[in-house]
Structure formats: C-alpha cells, structure tokens
Amino acid sequence: MKIKFITTVLLVFFGWINSSIAQHCPFDGAYILVIKPTSKKDTVAIPNLKVSFIYNKRYRFGNEVEQDTVSLWQNSTETTHSGIIDNENPMNPWSIRFPFAEDNYVLVFGFFVDDAQVQIVDADGDQNGGYFETKTVSVTKSNFYSLCTGNSNWDLGEEGGFVEEYEPIKVTLKKAK
C-alpha cells in the first residue's frame, strides 16, 4: 500500500513538472531581431535588400571559430493562414506576420549571439529607389527580444501581438554616388 502511494505521488509530481516545462507556443525560447533600413529622405523600410546576420560559431571543444551567415527576410504584409501563427508549419517563420515588426527585416533565432554583425546590401540597385551603399552594423544581446514570455502578448487576434519594450535597429543608408 505504501509503495502504491509513493508511486502515485511520484507520477503526479513528475507529470506536474513535465507540464510546467512544456512548450507553450511555437516560439518558446526563440528571439527576434528586427532591422529597419531607411534612407535619409524616407522613414519606410527600403524593400528588396539583402540583409545578412553574420556571427562567429564557436565549437564546444578547442579554440576553433567559424564565421556563419543567416539571411533576414522582410516581414510579410499578410499571412497565408488564419491567425498569427501557422500551426501547420510553425518552423516557417517567414510565412508568419509579426505585426509589431511592421515592414522591417526580421530574423527568428533560437539563442543569443554576442559580437555579431548585420550587413545590408542593395541587391537590386535602382528598383528600390536608388543604389544604396553597403552598411554593416554591430548587434548585441540587447537587440534580441524574446517572443514568448510574460512580456509578450500573442492573444490579440490576427493583427495583435506585441513584444514589450521592442525597438528595431534603425539603420540609415546613404545613396551610392
């Protein structure tokens, strides 16, 4: 009898522990980086840029460091599904509209990266309003915002959702001469 009671208590305890650390939304543990590249004349994000996140990949054993690059995408103006998150494809963040990020460039990342850079290149030239100079800016841990915490609210309907204290990295691009 005593063993059954202890077993039942342990099962309830481990069930409670498991449910308390379960994933609550597709963005548990994910962070967003938002870049807003504009020209001196306009405050709207410049479209059709190639925005790359460049960071050093450090290996667990040894002193080997390798540079890696991840592309940011321009936040979509609408989703291909109802609601904010595509529950059928939660790992396709480029098909998700982040309403607070407006038309800026976004990157959803699973971890912080210190001492990284974002490089912005005008890939299409004249089609987005002129040839802009390539610019590289530093990115730190403070530029990443958690997508699923007590400071986030994704329960505001299709156009809702925000991240408290969110601020995009604003980059002004100069036209090339």
N, C-alpha and C. Protein backbone atom coordinates (compact mmCIF):
# COMPACT_ATOMS: atom_id res chain seq x y z
N MET A 1 0.82 -1.19 0.00
CA MET A 1 0.00 0.00 0.00
C MET A 1 0.87 1.26 0.00
N LYS A 2 1.91 1.21 0.84
CA LYS A 2 2.80 2.35 0.93
C LYS A 2 3.53 2.57 -0.39
N ILE A 3 3.92 1.51 -1.10
CA ILE A 3 4.62 1.63 -2.38
C ILE A 3 3.69 2.22 -3.44
N LYS A 4 2.42 1.79 -3.46
CA LYS A 4 1.46 2.34 -4.41
C LYS A 4 1.26 3.84 -4.18
N PHE A 5 1.18 4.24 -2.91
CA PHE A 5 1.00 5.66 -2.60
C PHE A 5 2.21 6.47 -3.06
N ILE A 6 3.41 6.00 -2.76
CA ILE A 6 4.64 6.70 -3.16
C ILE A 6 4.73 6.76 -4.68
N THR A 7 4.39 5.66 -5.36
CA THR A 7 4.41 5.64 -6.82
C THR A 7 3.42 6.64 -7.38
N THR A 8 2.23 6.71 -6.84
CA THR A 8 1.22 7.65 -7.30
C THR A 8 1.68 9.09 -7.08
N VAL A 9 2.25 9.37 -5.93
CA VAL A 9 2.74 10.72 -5.64
C VAL A 9 3.85 11.09 -6.63
N LEU A 10 4.77 10.17 -6.88
CA LEU A 10 5.86 10.44 -7.83
C LEU A 10 5.32 10.67 -9.24
N LEU A 11 4.36 9.87 -9.68
CA LEU A 11 3.78 10.06 -11.01
C LEU A 11 3.10 11.42 -11.13
N VAL A 12 2.36 11.81 -10.11
CA VAL A 12 1.70 13.12 -10.13
C VAL A 12 2.75 14.23 -10.14
N PHE A 13 3.79 14.08 -9.31
CA PHE A 13 4.85 15.09 -9.25
C PHE A 13 5.57 15.23 -10.59
N PHE A 14 5.98 14.12 -11.20
CA PHE A 14 6.68 14.20 -12.47
C PHE A 14 5.76 14.67 -13.60
N GLY A 15 4.49 14.34 -13.53
CA GLY A 15 3.54 14.86 -14.51
C GLY A 15 3.40 16.36 -14.39
N TRP A 16 3.37 16.86 -13.15
CA TRP A 16 3.29 18.30 -12.93
C TRP A 16 4.57 19.00 -13.41
N ILE A 17 5.71 18.44 -13.12
CA ILE A 17 6.99 19.01 -13.56
C ILE A 17 7.03 19.03 -15.09
N ASN A 18 6.65 17.96 -15.74
CA ASN A 18 6.68 17.87 -17.20
C ASN A 18 5.76 18.92 -17.83
N SER A 19 4.56 19.10 -17.26
CA SER A 19 3.64 20.08 -17.84
C SER A 19 4.09 21.51 -17.59
N SER A 20 4.86 21.74 -16.53
CA SER A 20 5.30 23.11 -16.24
C SER A 20 6.45 23.55 -17.14
N ILE A 21 7.15 22.60 -17.75
CA ILE A 21 8.24 22.97 -18.65
C ILE A 21 7.91 22.65 -20.11
N ALA A 22 6.67 22.34 -20.36
CA ALA A 22 6.25 22.02 -21.73
C ALA A 22 6.24 23.28 -22.58
N GLN A 23 6.33 23.09 -23.89
CA GLN A 23 6.30 24.22 -24.81
C GLN A 23 4.90 24.80 -24.84
N HIS A 24 4.80 26.12 -24.66
CA HIS A 24 3.51 26.78 -24.60
C HIS A 24 3.11 27.42 -25.92
N CYS A 25 4.07 27.74 -26.76
CA CYS A 25 3.78 28.30 -28.07
C CYS A 25 4.93 27.93 -29.00
N PRO A 26 4.78 28.07 -30.31
CA PRO A 26 5.86 27.69 -31.22
C PRO A 26 7.14 28.51 -31.04
N PHE A 27 7.06 29.62 -30.32
CA PHE A 27 8.22 30.48 -30.16
C PHE A 27 8.86 30.39 -28.79
N ASP A 28 8.55 29.36 -28.00
CA ASP A 28 9.21 29.20 -26.70
C ASP A 28 10.72 29.15 -26.92
N GLY A 29 11.43 29.99 -26.22
CA GLY A 29 12.89 30.00 -26.31
C GLY A 29 13.42 30.69 -27.55
N ALA A 30 12.55 31.30 -28.36
CA ALA A 30 13.00 31.96 -29.58
C ALA A 30 13.08 33.47 -29.37
N TYR A 31 13.98 34.08 -30.12
CA TYR A 31 14.20 35.51 -30.05
C TYR A 31 14.06 36.10 -31.45
N ILE A 32 13.68 37.38 -31.51
CA ILE A 32 13.55 38.04 -32.79
C ILE A 32 14.51 39.23 -32.85
N LEU A 33 15.11 39.39 -34.00
CA LEU A 33 15.97 40.53 -34.30
C LEU A 33 15.28 41.27 -35.43
N VAL A 34 15.08 42.59 -35.29
CA VAL A 34 14.38 43.37 -36.29
C VAL A 34 15.26 44.53 -36.73
N ILE A 35 15.45 44.66 -38.06
CA ILE A 35 16.27 45.71 -38.65
C ILE A 35 15.36 46.60 -39.50
N LYS A 36 15.48 47.91 -39.33
CA LYS A 36 14.70 48.86 -40.13
C LYS A 36 15.66 49.74 -40.92
N PRO A 37 15.98 49.34 -42.18
CA PRO A 37 16.85 50.16 -43.02
C PRO A 37 16.04 51.19 -43.79
N THR A 38 16.39 52.46 -43.63
CA THR A 38 15.69 53.54 -44.32
C THR A 38 16.69 54.44 -45.02
N SER A 39 16.18 55.31 -45.88
CA SER A 39 17.03 56.32 -46.50
C SER A 39 16.89 57.61 -45.68
N LYS A 40 17.72 58.59 -45.97
CA LYS A 40 17.64 59.85 -45.24
C LYS A 40 16.32 60.57 -45.52
N LYS A 41 15.75 60.34 -46.70
CA LYS A 41 14.54 61.06 -47.12
C LYS A 41 13.24 60.39 -46.68
N ASP A 42 13.28 59.12 -46.28
CA ASP A 42 12.06 58.38 -46.02
C ASP A 42 12.20 57.55 -44.74
N THR A 43 11.09 57.34 -44.03
CA THR A 43 11.13 56.54 -42.81
C THR A 43 10.58 55.13 -43.03
N VAL A 44 10.19 54.80 -44.25
CA VAL A 44 9.69 53.48 -44.59
C VAL A 44 10.88 52.57 -44.88
N ALA A 45 10.80 51.31 -44.47
CA ALA A 45 11.89 50.37 -44.73
C ALA A 45 12.10 50.20 -46.24
N ILE A 46 13.37 50.19 -46.65
CA ILE A 46 13.72 50.03 -48.07
C ILE A 46 13.49 48.56 -48.45
N PRO A 47 12.71 48.30 -49.51
CA PRO A 47 12.45 46.91 -49.90
C PRO A 47 13.60 46.31 -50.71
N ASN A 48 13.55 45.00 -50.86
CA ASN A 48 14.45 44.24 -51.74
C ASN A 48 15.93 44.40 -51.40
N LEU A 49 16.26 44.44 -50.12
CA LEU A 49 17.66 44.47 -49.71
C LEU A 49 18.09 43.07 -49.32
N LYS A 50 19.37 42.82 -49.40
CA LYS A 50 19.93 41.56 -48.91
C LYS A 50 20.50 41.87 -47.53
N VAL A 51 19.82 41.37 -46.48
CA VAL A 51 20.23 41.63 -45.11
C VAL A 51 20.72 40.32 -44.51
N SER A 52 21.98 40.31 -44.07
CA SER A 52 22.61 39.09 -43.56
C SER A 52 23.08 39.28 -42.13
N PHE A 53 22.84 38.28 -41.32
CA PHE A 53 23.30 38.24 -39.94
C PHE A 53 24.58 37.42 -39.92
N ILE A 54 25.69 38.03 -39.51
CA ILE A 54 27.00 37.39 -39.54
C ILE A 54 27.47 37.19 -38.10
N TYR A 55 27.78 35.96 -37.75
CA TYR A 55 28.23 35.69 -36.38
C TYR A 55 29.32 34.63 -36.39
N ASN A 56 30.05 34.58 -35.29
CA ASN A 56 31.10 33.59 -35.12
C ASN A 56 30.54 32.37 -34.42
N LYS A 57 30.71 31.23 -35.06
CA LYS A 57 30.26 29.96 -34.49
C LYS A 57 31.44 29.37 -33.73
N ARG A 58 31.31 29.25 -32.43
CA ARG A 58 32.39 28.69 -31.61
C ARG A 58 32.07 27.24 -31.32
N TYR A 59 33.07 26.41 -31.42
CA TYR A 59 32.88 24.99 -31.17
C TYR A 59 33.13 24.69 -29.70
N ARG A 60 32.41 23.74 -29.18
CA ARG A 60 32.47 23.41 -27.76
C ARG A 60 33.87 23.01 -27.31
N PHE A 61 34.56 22.22 -28.11
CA PHE A 61 35.89 21.76 -27.73
C PHE A 61 36.92 22.40 -28.65
N GLY A 62 37.98 22.90 -28.07
CA GLY A 62 39.02 23.52 -28.88
C GLY A 62 38.77 25.00 -29.05
N ASN A 63 39.65 25.64 -29.78
CA ASN A 63 39.57 27.08 -29.98
C ASN A 63 39.10 27.45 -31.38
N GLU A 64 38.53 26.50 -32.09
CA GLU A 64 38.15 26.73 -33.47
C GLU A 64 36.91 27.64 -33.56
N VAL A 65 36.99 28.63 -34.41
CA VAL A 65 35.89 29.56 -34.64
C VAL A 65 35.63 29.62 -36.14
N GLU A 66 34.36 29.54 -36.50
CA GLU A 66 33.98 29.60 -37.92
C GLU A 66 32.91 30.67 -38.08
N GLN A 67 33.03 31.49 -39.11
CA GLN A 67 32.02 32.53 -39.36
C GLN A 67 30.85 31.93 -40.12
N ASP A 68 29.64 32.30 -39.72
CA ASP A 68 28.44 31.79 -40.36
C ASP A 68 27.52 32.97 -40.68
N THR A 69 26.65 32.78 -41.66
CA THR A 69 25.74 33.83 -42.10
C THR A 69 24.32 33.28 -42.20
N VAL A 70 23.36 34.07 -41.74
CA VAL A 70 21.95 33.74 -41.85
C VAL A 70 21.25 34.95 -42.46
N SER A 71 20.33 34.70 -43.38
CA SER A 71 19.63 35.81 -44.05
C SER A 71 18.38 36.21 -43.29
N LEU A 72 18.14 37.51 -43.21
CA LEU A 72 16.90 38.03 -42.67
C LEU A 72 15.92 38.15 -43.82
N TRP A 73 14.64 38.19 -43.54
CA TRP A 73 13.63 38.37 -44.57
C TRP A 73 12.74 39.54 -44.19
N GLN A 74 12.14 40.13 -45.20
CA GLN A 74 11.24 41.26 -44.92
C GLN A 74 9.93 40.70 -44.39
N ASN A 75 9.49 41.25 -43.28
CA ASN A 75 8.26 40.81 -42.63
C ASN A 75 7.12 40.87 -43.63
N SER A 76 6.38 39.78 -43.73
CA SER A 76 5.30 39.73 -44.72
C SER A 76 4.17 40.67 -44.34
N THR A 77 3.45 41.15 -45.35
CA THR A 77 2.34 42.06 -45.10
C THR A 77 1.09 41.30 -44.67
N GLU A 78 1.04 40.02 -44.97
CA GLU A 78 -0.10 39.20 -44.55
C GLU A 78 0.37 37.76 -44.43
N THR A 79 -0.42 36.95 -43.73
CA THR A 79 -0.09 35.55 -43.56
C THR A 79 -0.85 34.72 -44.59
N THR A 80 -0.41 33.50 -44.79
CA THR A 80 -1.06 32.59 -45.72
C THR A 80 -2.05 31.69 -45.00
N HIS A 81 -2.38 32.04 -43.77
CA HIS A 81 -3.25 31.21 -42.94
C HIS A 81 -4.05 32.13 -42.04
N SER A 82 -4.99 31.60 -41.30
CA SER A 82 -5.76 32.44 -40.38
C SER A 82 -5.01 32.52 -39.06
N GLY A 83 -5.08 33.66 -38.42
CA GLY A 83 -4.39 33.84 -37.15
C GLY A 83 -2.96 34.31 -37.37
N ILE A 84 -2.22 34.37 -36.30
CA ILE A 84 -0.85 34.87 -36.35
C ILE A 84 0.14 33.76 -36.68
N ILE A 85 -0.04 32.59 -36.07
CA ILE A 85 0.92 31.50 -36.22
C ILE A 85 0.34 30.40 -37.10
N ASP A 86 1.12 29.95 -38.07
CA ASP A 86 0.72 28.84 -38.94
C ASP A 86 0.99 27.55 -38.18
N ASN A 87 -0.02 27.01 -37.53
CA ASN A 87 0.16 25.81 -36.71
C ASN A 87 0.54 24.59 -37.53
N GLU A 88 0.26 24.61 -38.84
CA GLU A 88 0.66 23.51 -39.70
C GLU A 88 2.16 23.55 -40.01
N ASN A 89 2.73 24.74 -40.04
CA ASN A 89 4.16 24.90 -40.35
C ASN A 89 4.80 25.91 -39.38
N PRO A 90 4.85 25.58 -38.08
CA PRO A 90 5.36 26.57 -37.12
C PRO A 90 6.84 26.88 -37.28
N MET A 91 7.58 26.06 -38.00
CA MET A 91 9.00 26.31 -38.17
C MET A 91 9.29 27.10 -39.45
N ASN A 92 8.27 27.66 -40.08
CA ASN A 92 8.44 28.52 -41.24
C ASN A 92 8.11 29.95 -40.83
N PRO A 93 9.00 30.60 -40.06
CA PRO A 93 8.65 31.93 -39.56
C PRO A 93 8.49 32.97 -40.66
N TRP A 94 9.07 32.74 -41.85
CA TRP A 94 8.92 33.71 -42.93
C TRP A 94 7.50 33.75 -43.46
N SER A 95 6.66 32.79 -43.10
CA SER A 95 5.26 32.83 -43.51
C SER A 95 4.38 33.40 -42.40
N ILE A 96 5.00 33.89 -41.34
CA ILE A 96 4.27 34.46 -40.21
C ILE A 96 4.46 35.97 -40.21
N ARG A 97 3.39 36.67 -40.01
CA ARG A 97 3.48 38.13 -39.89
C ARG A 97 3.65 38.48 -38.42
N PHE A 98 4.70 39.24 -38.13
CA PHE A 98 4.92 39.76 -36.78
C PHE A 98 4.40 41.20 -36.80
N PRO A 99 3.17 41.45 -36.34
CA PRO A 99 2.55 42.76 -36.50
C PRO A 99 3.39 43.91 -35.95
N PHE A 100 4.06 43.70 -34.83
CA PHE A 100 4.85 44.77 -34.24
C PHE A 100 6.08 45.12 -35.07
N ALA A 101 6.53 44.21 -35.95
CA ALA A 101 7.74 44.44 -36.76
C ALA A 101 7.45 45.19 -38.06
N GLU A 102 6.19 45.48 -38.31
CA GLU A 102 5.76 46.24 -39.49
C GLU A 102 6.37 45.66 -40.77
N ASP A 103 6.98 46.50 -41.63
CA ASP A 103 7.55 46.02 -42.90
C ASP A 103 9.07 45.88 -42.81
N ASN A 104 9.59 45.75 -41.61
CA ASN A 104 11.04 45.66 -41.40
C ASN A 104 11.57 44.25 -41.68
N TYR A 105 12.87 44.09 -41.63
CA TYR A 105 13.52 42.80 -41.85
C TYR A 105 13.65 42.09 -40.51
N VAL A 106 13.34 40.79 -40.49
CA VAL A 106 13.31 40.04 -39.24
C VAL A 106 14.13 38.76 -39.35
N LEU A 107 14.56 38.31 -38.17
CA LEU A 107 15.24 37.02 -38.04
C LEU A 107 14.79 36.42 -36.73
N VAL A 108 14.28 35.20 -36.76
CA VAL A 108 13.90 34.48 -35.56
C VAL A 108 15.02 33.50 -35.27
N PHE A 109 15.57 33.59 -34.06
CA PHE A 109 16.76 32.82 -33.70
C PHE A 109 16.48 32.07 -32.41
N GLY A 110 17.08 30.92 -32.23
CA GLY A 110 16.87 30.10 -31.05
C GLY A 110 17.79 30.43 -29.89
N PHE A 111 18.72 31.37 -30.08
CA PHE A 111 19.65 31.70 -29.00
C PHE A 111 20.25 33.08 -29.24
N PHE A 112 20.83 33.65 -28.17
CA PHE A 112 21.51 34.94 -28.28
C PHE A 112 22.87 34.74 -28.93
N VAL A 113 23.33 35.75 -29.62
CA VAL A 113 24.67 35.73 -30.18
C VAL A 113 25.30 37.08 -29.86
N ASP A 114 26.38 37.06 -29.12
CA ASP A 114 27.11 38.30 -28.83
C ASP A 114 28.13 38.57 -29.92
N ASP A 115 28.49 39.81 -30.08
CA ASP A 115 29.52 40.23 -31.03
C ASP A 115 29.21 39.79 -32.46
N ALA A 116 27.99 40.03 -32.88
CA ALA A 116 27.58 39.70 -34.25
C ALA A 116 27.41 40.99 -35.04
N GLN A 117 27.20 40.84 -36.34
CA GLN A 117 27.00 41.99 -37.21
C GLN A 117 25.87 41.71 -38.18
N VAL A 118 25.26 42.78 -38.66
CA VAL A 118 24.27 42.69 -39.72
C VAL A 118 24.82 43.49 -40.89
N GLN A 119 24.85 42.85 -42.06
CA GLN A 119 25.32 43.52 -43.27
C GLN A 119 24.12 43.74 -44.19
N ILE A 120 23.99 44.98 -44.67
CA ILE A 120 22.87 45.34 -45.53
C ILE A 120 23.44 45.72 -46.89
N VAL A 121 22.98 44.99 -47.94
CA VAL A 121 23.47 45.19 -49.30
C VAL A 121 22.29 45.48 -50.21
N ASP A 122 22.43 46.50 -51.05
CA ASP A 122 21.39 46.81 -52.03
C ASP A 122 21.58 45.86 -53.22
N ALA A 123 20.81 44.78 -53.22
CA ALA A 123 21.00 43.73 -54.23
C ALA A 123 20.35 44.05 -55.56
N ASP A 124 19.30 44.87 -55.57
CA ASP A 124 18.59 45.10 -56.83
C ASP A 124 18.84 46.49 -57.43
N GLY A 125 19.64 47.29 -56.78
CA GLY A 125 20.00 48.58 -57.35
C GLY A 125 18.85 49.55 -57.46
N ASP A 126 18.58 50.01 -58.64
CA ASP A 126 17.64 51.10 -58.88
C ASP A 126 16.17 50.74 -58.59
N GLN A 127 15.83 49.46 -58.52
CA GLN A 127 14.43 49.06 -58.34
C GLN A 127 13.83 49.48 -57.00
N ASN A 128 14.66 49.71 -55.99
CA ASN A 128 14.12 50.11 -54.70
C ASN A 128 14.36 51.59 -54.40
N GLY A 129 14.58 52.37 -55.41
CA GLY A 129 14.69 53.80 -55.21
C GLY A 129 16.09 54.36 -55.35
N GLY A 130 17.05 53.55 -55.67
CA GLY A 130 18.41 54.05 -55.85
C GLY A 130 19.43 53.05 -55.38
N TYR A 131 20.65 53.27 -55.75
CA TYR A 131 21.73 52.40 -55.32
C TYR A 131 22.20 52.86 -53.95
N PHE A 132 22.09 52.00 -52.97
CA PHE A 132 22.50 52.34 -51.61
C PHE A 132 23.83 51.68 -51.29
N GLU A 133 24.63 52.36 -50.47
CA GLU A 133 25.92 51.82 -50.06
C GLU A 133 25.71 50.66 -49.10
N THR A 134 26.61 49.70 -49.15
CA THR A 134 26.58 48.58 -48.22
C THR A 134 26.93 49.09 -46.83
N LYS A 135 26.21 48.61 -45.84
CA LYS A 135 26.47 49.06 -44.46
C LYS A 135 26.48 47.85 -43.53
N THR A 136 27.40 47.87 -42.57
CA THR A 136 27.50 46.82 -41.57
C THR A 136 27.33 47.45 -40.19
N VAL A 137 26.45 46.88 -39.38
CA VAL A 137 26.22 47.38 -38.01
C VAL A 137 26.41 46.25 -37.01
N SER A 138 26.85 46.62 -35.82
CA SER A 138 27.05 45.64 -34.75
C SER A 138 25.73 45.30 -34.08
N VAL A 139 25.61 44.06 -33.63
CA VAL A 139 24.41 43.58 -32.96
C VAL A 139 24.86 42.94 -31.65
N THR A 140 24.14 43.24 -30.57
CA THR A 140 24.45 42.65 -29.27
C THR A 140 23.22 41.93 -28.72
N LYS A 141 23.38 41.32 -27.59
CA LYS A 141 22.31 40.58 -26.94
C LYS A 141 21.08 41.47 -26.69
N SER A 142 21.30 42.74 -26.43
CA SER A 142 20.19 43.65 -26.12
C SER A 142 19.29 43.92 -27.33
N ASN A 143 19.73 43.55 -28.54
CA ASN A 143 18.93 43.75 -29.75
C ASN A 143 17.97 42.60 -30.03
N PHE A 144 18.06 41.51 -29.26
CA PHE A 144 17.18 40.36 -29.42
C PHE A 144 16.04 40.47 -28.42
N TYR A 145 14.82 40.13 -28.87
CA TYR A 145 13.66 40.19 -27.99
C TYR A 145 13.00 38.82 -27.95
N SER A 146 12.68 38.38 -26.75
CA SER A 146 12.04 37.09 -26.56
C SER A 146 10.61 37.14 -27.11
N LEU A 147 10.24 36.12 -27.87
CA LEU A 147 8.91 36.09 -28.48
C LEU A 147 7.84 35.45 -27.59
N CYS A 148 8.24 34.74 -26.57
CA CYS A 148 7.24 34.04 -25.77
C CYS A 148 7.61 34.13 -24.29
N THR A 149 7.22 35.23 -23.66
CA THR A 149 7.47 35.42 -22.23
C THR A 149 6.27 36.14 -21.63
N GLY A 150 6.39 36.49 -20.37
CA GLY A 150 5.36 37.29 -19.73
C GLY A 150 5.30 38.70 -20.31
N ASN A 151 6.36 39.11 -21.05
CA ASN A 151 6.40 40.43 -21.67
C ASN A 151 5.87 40.41 -23.09
N SER A 152 5.41 39.27 -23.56
CA SER A 152 4.87 39.15 -24.91
C SER A 152 3.38 38.85 -24.82
N ASN A 153 2.63 39.28 -25.81
CA ASN A 153 1.20 39.02 -25.83
C ASN A 153 0.79 38.67 -27.24
N TRP A 154 0.45 37.41 -27.48
CA TRP A 154 0.05 36.95 -28.81
C TRP A 154 -1.44 36.62 -28.85
N ASP A 155 -2.21 37.07 -27.87
CA ASP A 155 -3.63 36.72 -27.80
C ASP A 155 -4.53 37.88 -28.21
N LEU A 156 -4.08 38.71 -29.15
CA LEU A 156 -4.86 39.88 -29.51
C LEU A 156 -5.50 39.76 -30.89
N GLY A 157 -5.67 38.56 -31.39
CA GLY A 157 -6.31 38.38 -32.69
C GLY A 157 -5.31 38.44 -33.84
N GLU A 158 -5.85 38.48 -35.06
CA GLU A 158 -5.00 38.40 -36.25
C GLU A 158 -3.99 39.53 -36.36
N GLU A 159 -4.36 40.74 -36.02
CA GLU A 159 -3.43 41.86 -36.14
C GLU A 159 -2.80 42.22 -34.80
N GLY A 160 -3.00 41.40 -33.80
CA GLY A 160 -2.45 41.69 -32.48
C GLY A 160 -1.06 41.12 -32.31
N GLY A 161 -0.65 41.08 -31.10
CA GLY A 161 0.66 40.52 -30.78
C GLY A 161 1.71 41.59 -30.69
N PHE A 162 2.42 41.64 -29.59
CA PHE A 162 3.47 42.61 -29.43
C PHE A 162 4.54 42.04 -28.50
N VAL A 163 5.67 42.65 -28.52
CA VAL A 163 6.75 42.33 -27.60
C VAL A 163 7.05 43.62 -26.84
N GLU A 164 6.89 43.58 -25.53
CA GLU A 164 7.09 44.77 -24.71
C GLU A 164 8.51 45.29 -24.83
N GLU A 165 8.65 46.60 -24.87
CA GLU A 165 9.93 47.30 -24.95
C GLU A 165 10.69 47.01 -26.25
N TYR A 166 10.00 46.48 -27.23
CA TYR A 166 10.60 46.17 -28.52
C TYR A 166 10.99 47.46 -29.24
N GLU A 167 12.15 47.45 -29.87
CA GLU A 167 12.62 48.58 -30.67
C GLU A 167 13.50 48.01 -31.78
N PRO A 168 13.16 48.28 -33.05
CA PRO A 168 14.01 47.76 -34.13
C PRO A 168 15.36 48.49 -34.17
N ILE A 169 16.33 47.86 -34.78
CA ILE A 169 17.60 48.54 -35.02
C ILE A 169 17.40 49.40 -36.24
N LYS A 170 17.53 50.70 -36.08
CA LYS A 170 17.30 51.64 -37.19
C LYS A 170 18.62 51.93 -37.85
N VAL A 171 18.67 51.73 -39.17
CA VAL A 171 19.88 51.94 -39.95
C VAL A 171 19.53 52.86 -41.11
N THR A 172 20.25 53.96 -41.23
CA THR A 172 20.05 54.89 -42.35
C THR A 172 21.09 54.60 -43.42
N LEU A 173 20.62 54.31 -44.62
CA LEU A 173 21.52 54.01 -45.74
C LEU A 173 21.72 55.24 -46.60
N LYS A 174 22.96 55.43 -47.04
CA LYS A 174 23.29 56.53 -47.94
C LYS A 174 23.21 56.04 -49.36
N LYS A 175 22.79 56.92 -50.25
CA LYS A 175 22.79 56.56 -51.67
C LYS A 175 24.23 56.57 -52.18
N ALA A 176 24.57 55.57 -52.98
CA ALA A 176 25.91 55.48 -53.54
C ALA A 176 26.06 56.54 -54.63
N LYS A 177 27.24 57.04 -54.78
CA LYS A 177 27.48 58.09 -55.79
C LYS A 177 27.96 57.53 -57.08
